[in-house]
Amino acid sequence: KYGVKCLSAQEQKLSESLVIRLSRVCEAARDKKVRAKAEAEAKAKEMEEMKAKQEEDRKKREEDLKAKREEEEAERKVQDEEDRTRGYRIVKQTTTHVNAGLAAPL
């Protein structure tokens, strides 16, 4: 009446086997998608961490460079001051010698 056919035992077994195989294929595909998503998330997190580390390293290099420049500037200022003081002494000594008529070579 409805076109329904009863399956033989062999056909039922085959049908069940096909359903099981199909469900396994679907599960494997689902697992593959989940695994791919997890791998993509892990890779993205790794990239973020690498970028953060690179930024941190860059800031540290900048700070180190700034500190080195400040140190060199301070050393240069001290050296300039010493040179000025030494120059003043030489000029003063020369002036004193010249005034005394004993000009000493520089």
N, C-alpha and C. Protein backbone atom coordinates (compact mmCIF):
# COMPACT_ATOMS: atom_id res chain seq x y z
N LYS A 1 0.82 -1.18 0.00
CA LYS A 1 0.00 0.00 0.00
C LYS A 1 0.87 1.26 0.00
N TYR A 2 1.85 1.35 0.94
CA TYR A 2 2.74 2.51 1.02
C TYR A 2 4.06 2.29 0.30
N GLY A 3 4.29 1.21 -0.26
CA GLY A 3 5.52 0.92 -0.95
C GLY A 3 6.65 0.55 0.00
N VAL A 4 6.31 0.17 1.21
CA VAL A 4 7.32 -0.19 2.20
C VAL A 4 7.67 -1.65 2.00
N LYS A 5 8.96 -1.90 1.98
CA LYS A 5 9.43 -3.26 1.76
C LYS A 5 10.15 -3.70 3.01
N CYS A 6 9.89 -4.87 3.46
CA CYS A 6 10.59 -5.41 4.61
C CYS A 6 11.95 -5.91 4.15
N LEU A 7 12.96 -5.59 4.93
CA LEU A 7 14.31 -5.98 4.58
C LEU A 7 14.61 -7.36 5.13
N SER A 8 15.39 -8.09 4.37
CA SER A 8 15.82 -9.40 4.84
C SER A 8 16.89 -9.18 5.91
N ALA A 9 17.22 -10.20 6.62
CA ALA A 9 18.23 -10.11 7.68
C ALA A 9 19.57 -9.65 7.11
N GLN A 10 19.92 -10.15 5.93
CA GLN A 10 21.19 -9.77 5.30
C GLN A 10 21.16 -8.29 4.92
N GLU A 11 20.04 -7.83 4.38
CA GLU A 11 19.91 -6.42 4.00
C GLU A 11 19.94 -5.51 5.23
N GLN A 12 19.33 -5.97 6.32
CA GLN A 12 19.34 -5.20 7.56
C GLN A 12 20.77 -5.06 8.09
N LYS A 13 21.51 -6.16 8.06
CA LYS A 13 22.90 -6.12 8.51
C LYS A 13 23.72 -5.16 7.66
N LEU A 14 23.52 -5.24 6.36
CA LEU A 14 24.23 -4.36 5.44
C LEU A 14 23.86 -2.90 5.70
N SER A 15 22.59 -2.66 5.92
CA SER A 15 22.11 -1.31 6.20
C SER A 15 22.72 -0.78 7.50
N GLU A 16 22.73 -1.60 8.53
CA GLU A 16 23.34 -1.20 9.81
C GLU A 16 24.83 -0.92 9.64
N SER A 17 25.48 -1.77 8.87
CA SER A 17 26.91 -1.60 8.61
C SER A 17 27.17 -0.28 7.90
N LEU A 18 26.33 0.05 6.91
CA LEU A 18 26.49 1.31 6.19
C LEU A 18 26.24 2.51 7.10
N VAL A 19 25.26 2.41 7.97
CA VAL A 19 24.96 3.49 8.92
C VAL A 19 26.16 3.69 9.86
N ILE A 20 26.72 2.60 10.34
CA ILE A 20 27.89 2.68 11.23
C ILE A 20 29.07 3.32 10.51
N ARG A 21 29.33 2.87 9.27
CA ARG A 21 30.44 3.45 8.50
C ARG A 21 30.22 4.94 8.25
N LEU A 22 28.99 5.28 7.90
CA LEU A 22 28.66 6.69 7.64
C LEU A 22 28.85 7.53 8.90
N SER A 23 28.43 7.01 10.03
CA SER A 23 28.60 7.77 11.28
C SER A 23 30.08 7.92 11.62
N ARG A 24 30.88 6.89 11.34
CA ARG A 24 32.33 6.98 11.58
C ARG A 24 32.98 8.03 10.67
N VAL A 25 32.55 8.05 9.41
CA VAL A 25 33.08 9.04 8.46
C VAL A 25 32.73 10.45 8.93
N CYS A 26 31.47 10.62 9.35
CA CYS A 26 31.03 11.94 9.85
C CYS A 26 31.82 12.34 11.10
N GLU A 27 32.02 11.39 11.99
CA GLU A 27 32.77 11.65 13.22
C GLU A 27 34.22 12.02 12.89
N ALA A 28 34.81 11.31 11.95
CA ALA A 28 36.20 11.61 11.55
C ALA A 28 36.29 13.00 10.94
N ALA A 29 35.31 13.35 10.12
CA ALA A 29 35.30 14.69 9.51
C ALA A 29 35.14 15.75 10.59
N ARG A 30 34.27 15.49 11.55
CA ARG A 30 34.07 16.42 12.66
C ARG A 30 35.36 16.56 13.48
N ASP A 31 36.00 15.43 13.77
CA ASP A 31 37.27 15.45 14.51
C ASP A 31 38.34 16.22 13.74
N LYS A 32 38.35 16.03 12.43
CA LYS A 32 39.34 16.72 11.60
C LYS A 32 39.12 18.23 11.67
N LYS A 33 37.85 18.66 11.62
CA LYS A 33 37.54 20.09 11.73
C LYS A 33 37.95 20.63 13.09
N VAL A 34 37.63 19.88 14.14
CA VAL A 34 37.97 20.31 15.50
C VAL A 34 39.48 20.40 15.66
N ARG A 35 40.19 19.40 15.14
CA ARG A 35 41.65 19.39 15.23
C ARG A 35 42.24 20.57 14.45
N ALA A 36 41.71 20.82 13.25
CA ALA A 36 42.21 21.94 12.43
C ALA A 36 41.96 23.26 13.14
N LYS A 37 40.80 23.39 13.75
CA LYS A 37 40.47 24.63 14.48
C LYS A 37 41.42 24.80 15.67
N ALA A 38 41.65 23.73 16.41
CA ALA A 38 42.56 23.79 17.56
C ALA A 38 43.97 24.14 17.12
N GLU A 39 44.42 23.56 16.01
CA GLU A 39 45.76 23.87 15.50
C GLU A 39 45.86 25.33 15.07
N ALA A 40 44.81 25.83 14.43
CA ALA A 40 44.80 27.24 14.00
C ALA A 40 44.84 28.17 15.20
N GLU A 41 44.08 27.84 16.24
CA GLU A 41 44.07 28.65 17.45
C GLU A 41 45.44 28.62 18.13
N ALA A 42 46.05 27.44 18.19
CA ALA A 42 47.37 27.31 18.81
C ALA A 42 48.40 28.12 18.03
N LYS A 43 48.32 28.06 16.71
CA LYS A 43 49.25 28.81 15.87
C LYS A 43 49.07 30.31 16.07
N ALA A 44 47.81 30.75 16.13
CA ALA A 44 47.52 32.17 16.34
C ALA A 44 48.05 32.63 17.70
N LYS A 45 47.87 31.81 18.72
CA LYS A 45 48.37 32.15 20.05
C LYS A 45 49.89 32.23 20.04
N GLU A 46 50.52 31.28 19.37
CA GLU A 46 51.98 31.27 19.27
C GLU A 46 52.48 32.53 18.56
N MET A 47 51.78 32.94 17.50
CA MET A 47 52.16 34.16 16.77
C MET A 47 52.02 35.39 17.68
N GLU A 48 50.93 35.45 18.45
CA GLU A 48 50.73 36.57 19.37
C GLU A 48 51.86 36.62 20.40
N GLU A 49 52.21 35.47 20.95
CA GLU A 49 53.29 35.41 21.94
C GLU A 49 54.61 35.84 21.32
N MET A 50 54.87 35.41 20.07
CA MET A 50 56.11 35.77 19.40
C MET A 50 56.14 37.28 19.16
N LYS A 51 55.01 37.85 18.71
CA LYS A 51 54.96 39.30 18.48
C LYS A 51 55.17 40.05 19.78
N ALA A 52 54.55 39.58 20.87
CA ALA A 52 54.71 40.23 22.17
C ALA A 52 56.18 40.17 22.61
N LYS A 53 56.82 39.03 22.40
CA LYS A 53 58.24 38.90 22.78
C LYS A 53 59.10 39.82 21.92
N GLN A 54 58.82 39.89 20.62
CA GLN A 54 59.59 40.78 19.75
C GLN A 54 59.43 42.23 20.18
N GLU A 55 58.21 42.62 20.55
CA GLU A 55 57.95 43.99 21.00
C GLU A 55 58.71 44.25 22.30
N GLU A 56 58.68 43.28 23.20
CA GLU A 56 59.39 43.41 24.47
C GLU A 56 60.90 43.54 24.22
N ASP A 57 61.44 42.72 23.33
CA ASP A 57 62.86 42.78 22.99
C ASP A 57 63.22 44.13 22.36
N ARG A 58 62.33 44.63 21.49
CA ARG A 58 62.57 45.92 20.84
C ARG A 58 62.61 47.04 21.88
N LYS A 59 61.66 47.01 22.82
CA LYS A 59 61.63 48.04 23.87
C LYS A 59 62.89 47.96 24.73
N LYS A 60 63.32 46.75 25.04
CA LYS A 60 64.53 46.59 25.86
C LYS A 60 65.75 47.13 25.12
N ARG A 61 65.86 46.83 23.81
CA ARG A 61 66.98 47.36 23.03
C ARG A 61 66.95 48.89 23.00
N GLU A 62 65.74 49.45 22.85
CA GLU A 62 65.62 50.91 22.84
C GLU A 62 66.05 51.50 24.18
N GLU A 63 65.61 50.87 25.27
CA GLU A 63 65.99 51.34 26.61
C GLU A 63 67.50 51.24 26.80
N ASP A 64 68.08 50.11 26.39
CA ASP A 64 69.52 49.93 26.52
C ASP A 64 70.28 50.97 25.70
N LEU A 65 69.80 51.22 24.48
CA LEU A 65 70.44 52.21 23.62
C LEU A 65 70.33 53.60 24.23
N LYS A 66 69.16 53.92 24.77
CA LYS A 66 68.96 55.23 25.40
C LYS A 66 69.89 55.38 26.60
N ALA A 67 69.98 54.34 27.42
CA ALA A 67 70.86 54.38 28.59
C ALA A 67 72.32 54.55 28.16
N LYS A 68 72.71 53.84 27.10
CA LYS A 68 74.08 53.93 26.60
C LYS A 68 74.36 55.34 26.10
N ARG A 69 73.40 55.92 25.37
CA ARG A 69 73.58 57.29 24.87
C ARG A 69 73.71 58.28 26.03
N GLU A 70 72.85 58.12 27.04
CA GLU A 70 72.91 59.01 28.20
C GLU A 70 74.26 58.88 28.91
N GLU A 71 74.74 57.65 29.03
CA GLU A 71 76.03 57.41 29.68
C GLU A 71 77.16 58.06 28.87
N GLU A 72 77.12 57.87 27.54
CA GLU A 72 78.15 58.48 26.69
C GLU A 72 78.09 60.00 26.76
N GLU A 73 76.87 60.55 26.80
CA GLU A 73 76.70 62.00 26.90
C GLU A 73 77.28 62.51 28.22
N ALA A 74 77.01 61.79 29.31
CA ALA A 74 77.54 62.19 30.62
C ALA A 74 79.07 62.12 30.61
N GLU A 75 79.62 61.05 30.04
CA GLU A 75 81.08 60.92 29.96
C GLU A 75 81.67 62.05 29.12
N ARG A 76 81.00 62.39 28.02
CA ARG A 76 81.49 63.46 27.16
C ARG A 76 81.46 64.81 27.89
N LYS A 77 80.39 65.04 28.65
CA LYS A 77 80.30 66.29 29.41
C LYS A 77 81.42 66.37 30.44
N VAL A 78 81.67 65.26 31.13
CA VAL A 78 82.75 65.23 32.12
C VAL A 78 84.08 65.50 31.43
N GLN A 79 84.29 64.83 30.29
CA GLN A 79 85.55 65.02 29.54
C GLN A 79 85.67 66.46 29.07
N ASP A 80 84.58 67.04 28.56
CA ASP A 80 84.61 68.44 28.13
C ASP A 80 84.96 69.36 29.29
N GLU A 81 84.37 69.08 30.43
CA GLU A 81 84.65 69.91 31.62
C GLU A 81 86.11 69.77 32.02
N GLU A 82 86.62 68.53 32.00
CA GLU A 82 88.04 68.32 32.33
C GLU A 82 88.94 69.04 31.33
N ASP A 83 88.58 68.95 30.04
CA ASP A 83 89.36 69.63 29.01
C ASP A 83 89.34 71.14 29.21
N ARG A 84 88.16 71.68 29.52
CA ARG A 84 88.07 73.12 29.77
C ARG A 84 88.92 73.52 30.96
N THR A 85 88.83 72.74 32.02
CA THR A 85 89.61 73.04 33.23
C THR A 85 91.10 72.96 32.93
N ARG A 86 91.51 71.90 32.21
CA ARG A 86 92.91 71.73 31.85
C ARG A 86 93.35 72.89 30.95
N GLY A 87 92.51 73.26 30.02
CA GLY A 87 92.82 74.38 29.13
C GLY A 87 92.96 75.68 29.90
N TYR A 88 92.12 75.89 30.87
CA TYR A 88 92.19 77.10 31.70
C TYR A 88 93.51 77.13 32.46
N ARG A 89 93.91 75.95 33.00
CA ARG A 89 95.18 75.89 33.74
C ARG A 89 96.35 76.19 32.81
N ILE A 90 96.32 75.63 31.60
CA ILE A 90 97.41 75.86 30.64
C ILE A 90 97.47 77.34 30.29
N VAL A 91 96.31 77.92 30.02
CA VAL A 91 96.28 79.34 29.68
C VAL A 91 96.79 80.16 30.85
N LYS A 92 96.36 79.82 32.05
CA LYS A 92 96.77 80.57 33.24
C LYS A 92 98.28 80.44 33.44
N GLN A 93 98.81 79.21 33.29
CA GLN A 93 100.25 79.01 33.46
C GLN A 93 101.02 79.78 32.40
N THR A 94 100.54 79.70 31.15
CA THR A 94 101.22 80.40 30.07
C THR A 94 101.20 81.90 30.32
N THR A 95 100.05 82.40 30.73
CA THR A 95 99.93 83.83 31.02
C THR A 95 100.89 84.22 32.13
N THR A 96 100.96 83.39 33.15
CA THR A 96 101.86 83.69 34.26
C THR A 96 103.30 83.70 33.78
N HIS A 97 103.69 82.70 32.96
CA HIS A 97 105.06 82.65 32.45
C HIS A 97 105.35 83.82 31.52
N VAL A 98 104.36 84.15 30.68
CA VAL A 98 104.56 85.27 29.76
C VAL A 98 104.73 86.55 30.56
N ASN A 99 103.91 86.69 31.56
CA ASN A 99 104.02 87.89 32.40
C ASN A 99 105.37 87.94 33.10
N ALA A 100 105.90 86.78 33.42
CA ALA A 100 107.19 86.73 34.10
C ALA A 100 108.33 86.74 33.11
N GLY A 101 107.97 86.72 31.80
CA GLY A 101 109.01 86.72 30.79
C GLY A 101 109.60 85.35 30.54
N LEU A 102 108.93 84.32 31.00
CA LEU A 102 109.43 82.95 30.83
C LEU A 102 108.42 82.12 30.04
N ALA A 103 108.04 82.55 28.89
CA ALA A 103 107.00 81.87 28.11
C ALA A 103 107.39 80.42 27.87
N ALA A 104 106.54 79.53 28.30
CA ALA A 104 106.78 78.09 28.12
C ALA A 104 105.99 77.61 26.91
N PRO A 105 106.57 76.73 26.14
CA PRO A 105 105.82 76.21 24.98
C PRO A 105 104.64 75.35 25.45
N LEU A 106 103.62 75.37 24.66
CA LEU A 106 102.43 74.57 25.01
C LEU A 106 102.70 73.19 24.62
